[in-house]
């Protein structure tokens, strides 16, 4: 069997209405399946799938009054784990460098805080967050990847403190108490 990409990625949200508004009205992803699932033990789960392109879907679930599911938790993943926002993120294809700049301008016009265009040598990206605190990215390849790219090797130096600041949190070392 050949690889065909992913079908969908499933995530959670504490506010499906705010999440739906962001993905439909800000990112312009179409909701293609919307369910309310009654839970036998009590409560319900609201579930929406958004088409991100190429029939690849992003799904969000919101539990309402479901036993053993906390009413409040960190839906943004990274903050709850205490890691920089780059560790768990989702990148959408922009298509071209011009489309990436256009998408950045669209997001800014819609009130979204977006990074400058970041050049990774093989791709360019912009980064921003959804209402859940999930790190999102639009990205486009700037060249074809080759055998050298596939070899694990030192390519760059980064600041972990800067990565934490981008996540809106202090690094664990910065908040550690000295005894």
Protein backbone atom coordinates (compact mmCIF):
# COMPACT_ATOMS: atom_id res chain seq x y z
CA UNK A 1 0.00 0.00 0.00
CA UNK A 2 1.33 3.47 -0.84
CA UNK A 3 1.22 6.36 1.60
CA UNK A 4 -1.60 8.77 0.86
CA UNK A 5 -1.13 11.46 3.52
CA UNK A 6 -3.34 11.77 6.56
CA UNK A 7 -7.11 11.55 6.76
CA UNK A 8 -7.51 13.84 9.74
CA UNK A 9 -5.88 15.09 12.91
CA UNK A 10 -8.12 15.11 15.98
CA UNK A 11 -7.77 17.79 18.66
CA UNK A 12 -9.80 19.05 21.57
CA UNK A 13 -11.19 22.45 22.48
CA UNK A 14 -12.95 23.94 25.48
CA UNK A 15 -14.94 26.32 23.26
CA UNK A 16 -16.08 24.82 19.96
CA UNK A 17 -18.00 27.94 18.96
CA UNK A 18 -14.90 30.16 19.23
CA UNK A 19 -12.80 27.47 17.51
CA UNK A 20 -15.30 27.15 14.66
CA UNK A 21 -15.42 30.90 14.19
CA UNK A 22 -11.61 31.07 13.93
CA UNK A 23 -11.19 28.18 11.50
CA UNK A 24 -14.14 29.17 9.30
CA UNK A 25 -13.95 32.95 9.33
CA UNK A 26 -10.25 33.65 9.89
CA UNK A 27 -8.55 30.70 8.15
CA UNK A 28 -11.44 30.11 5.71
CA UNK A 29 -11.47 26.32 6.25
CA UNK A 30 -14.87 24.84 5.45
CA UNK A 31 -16.65 22.73 8.07
CA UNK A 32 -17.49 19.48 6.25
CA UNK A 33 -18.87 17.29 9.05
CA UNK A 34 -20.51 18.39 12.30
CA UNK A 35 -21.78 15.93 14.92
CA UNK A 36 -23.29 15.95 18.37
CA UNK A 37 -22.53 12.66 20.08
CA UNK A 38 -24.63 11.68 23.07
CA UNK A 39 -22.50 9.98 25.73
CA UNK A 40 -24.25 7.02 27.43
CA UNK A 41 -22.75 7.90 30.82
CA UNK A 42 -23.95 11.48 30.54
CA UNK A 43 -23.22 14.66 28.64
CA UNK A 44 -22.36 15.07 25.01
CA UNK A 45 -19.46 15.67 22.65
CA UNK A 46 -19.63 18.21 19.85
CA UNK A 47 -17.33 17.30 16.94
CA UNK A 48 -16.45 19.34 13.81
CA UNK A 49 -14.20 18.43 10.88
CA UNK A 50 -12.64 21.21 8.76
CA UNK A 51 -11.24 20.63 5.27
CA UNK A 52 -7.71 22.10 5.21
CA UNK A 53 -7.18 21.20 1.54
CA UNK A 54 -6.48 18.05 -0.46
CA UNK A 55 -9.21 16.24 1.50
CA UNK A 56 -7.11 16.42 4.66
CA UNK A 57 -9.19 17.26 7.69
CA UNK A 58 -8.63 18.86 11.07
CA UNK A 59 -11.18 17.83 13.70
CA UNK A 60 -12.06 19.35 17.07
CA UNK A 61 -14.03 17.76 19.90
CA UNK A 62 -15.64 19.57 22.81
CA UNK A 63 -16.91 17.55 25.79
CA UNK A 64 -19.88 18.99 27.66
CA UNK A 65 -20.71 17.57 31.11
CA UNK A 66 -19.07 14.21 30.31
CA UNK A 67 -18.15 12.25 33.45
CA UNK A 68 -14.38 11.83 34.02
CA UNK A 69 -13.52 14.49 31.40
CA UNK A 70 -12.24 17.64 33.14
CA UNK A 71 -14.24 20.80 32.50
CA UNK A 72 -10.98 22.78 32.20
CA UNK A 73 -7.63 21.66 30.81
CA UNK A 74 -4.93 23.08 28.55
CA UNK A 75 -6.21 22.47 25.02
CA UNK A 76 -3.15 24.19 23.54
CA UNK A 77 -0.99 21.11 24.31
CA UNK A 78 2.41 22.84 24.65
CA UNK A 79 1.62 25.03 27.64
CA UNK A 80 0.11 22.07 29.50
CA UNK A 81 3.26 20.05 28.87
CA UNK A 82 5.56 22.98 29.70
CA UNK A 83 7.35 22.89 26.33
CA UNK A 84 7.91 25.62 23.70
CA UNK A 85 5.10 26.18 21.21
CA UNK A 86 7.24 24.83 18.35
CA UNK A 87 7.21 21.33 19.86
CA UNK A 88 3.59 20.58 18.93
CA UNK A 89 2.36 22.59 15.97
CA UNK A 90 0.42 22.18 12.75
CA UNK A 91 1.60 23.57 9.42
CA UNK A 92 -0.70 24.27 6.48
CA UNK A 93 0.58 24.51 2.90
CA UNK A 94 0.66 28.06 1.54
CA UNK A 95 1.54 27.06 -2.04
CA UNK A 96 4.10 29.76 -2.86
CA UNK A 97 6.12 32.55 -1.29
CA UNK A 98 3.71 35.14 -2.69
CA UNK A 99 0.73 33.23 -1.26
CA UNK A 100 2.52 33.03 2.11
CA UNK A 101 2.92 36.82 2.24
CA UNK A 102 -0.70 37.24 1.12
CA UNK A 103 -1.88 34.86 3.87
CA UNK A 104 0.16 36.78 6.45
CA UNK A 105 -1.44 40.05 5.36
CA UNK A 106 -4.93 38.48 5.47
CA UNK A 107 -4.38 37.17 9.01
CA UNK A 108 -3.08 40.53 10.23
CA UNK A 109 -6.09 42.27 8.64
CA UNK A 110 -8.35 39.87 10.58
CA UNK A 111 -6.66 40.78 13.87
CA UNK A 112 -4.38 37.73 14.23
CA UNK A 113 -0.89 38.24 15.68
CA UNK A 114 1.51 36.73 13.12
CA UNK A 115 5.30 36.43 12.97
CA UNK A 116 7.40 37.87 10.19
CA UNK A 117 8.18 35.40 7.38
CA UNK A 118 10.82 32.97 8.68
CA UNK A 119 13.35 31.52 6.19
CA UNK A 120 14.32 27.93 7.06
CA UNK A 121 16.63 27.50 4.01
CA UNK A 122 14.35 24.86 2.44
CA UNK A 123 11.00 26.50 3.31
CA UNK A 124 9.51 29.77 4.51
CA UNK A 125 6.88 30.04 7.23
CA UNK A 126 4.67 32.29 9.31
CA UNK A 127 3.47 31.37 12.80
CA UNK A 128 0.39 32.27 14.84
CA UNK A 129 -1.98 30.75 17.41
CA UNK A 130 -5.60 29.66 17.35
CA UNK A 131 -8.04 30.49 20.20
CA UNK A 132 -7.02 27.28 22.01
CA UNK A 133 -3.36 28.34 22.09
CA UNK A 134 -2.35 25.81 19.43
CA UNK A 135 0.70 26.86 17.44
CA UNK A 136 -0.21 27.06 13.74
CA UNK A 137 1.93 27.71 10.69
CA UNK A 138 1.53 28.40 7.00
CA UNK A 139 4.55 27.13 5.09
CA UNK A 140 5.82 26.83 1.53
CA UNK A 141 8.79 24.94 0.13
CA UNK A 142 11.42 27.19 -1.47
CA UNK A 143 13.38 24.35 -3.04
CA UNK A 144 13.26 20.59 -3.54
CA UNK A 145 14.57 18.47 -0.69
CA UNK A 146 17.54 16.25 -1.49
CA UNK A 147 19.59 13.38 0.00
CA UNK A 148 21.70 15.81 2.04
CA UNK A 149 18.51 17.18 3.63
CA UNK A 150 17.55 13.65 4.68
CA UNK A 151 20.82 13.19 6.60
CA UNK A 152 20.58 14.14 10.31
CA UNK A 153 23.21 16.82 10.87
CA UNK A 154 23.87 20.04 12.77
CA UNK A 155 22.43 22.86 10.69
CA UNK A 156 21.67 25.76 12.98
CA UNK A 157 21.83 27.16 16.50
CA UNK A 158 18.67 28.33 18.28
CA UNK A 159 17.77 29.83 21.64
CA UNK A 160 15.46 27.73 23.82
CA UNK A 161 14.66 30.86 25.86
CA UNK A 162 13.46 32.55 22.67
CA UNK A 163 11.32 29.50 21.87
CA UNK A 164 9.67 29.73 25.30
CA UNK A 165 9.12 33.48 24.93
CA UNK A 166 7.37 32.78 21.63
CA UNK A 167 5.10 30.42 23.55
CA UNK A 168 4.23 33.23 25.99
CA UNK A 169 5.82 31.47 28.95
CA UNK A 170 9.05 31.48 30.92
CA UNK A 171 11.42 28.58 30.48
CA UNK A 172 11.51 26.07 33.37
CA UNK A 173 15.08 27.15 34.14
CA UNK A 174 14.01 30.78 34.44
CA UNK A 175 11.26 29.93 36.94
CA UNK A 176 13.17 27.33 38.97
CA UNK A 177 13.63 28.19 42.64
CA UNK A 178 17.15 28.12 43.99
CA UNK A 179 17.42 26.69 47.49
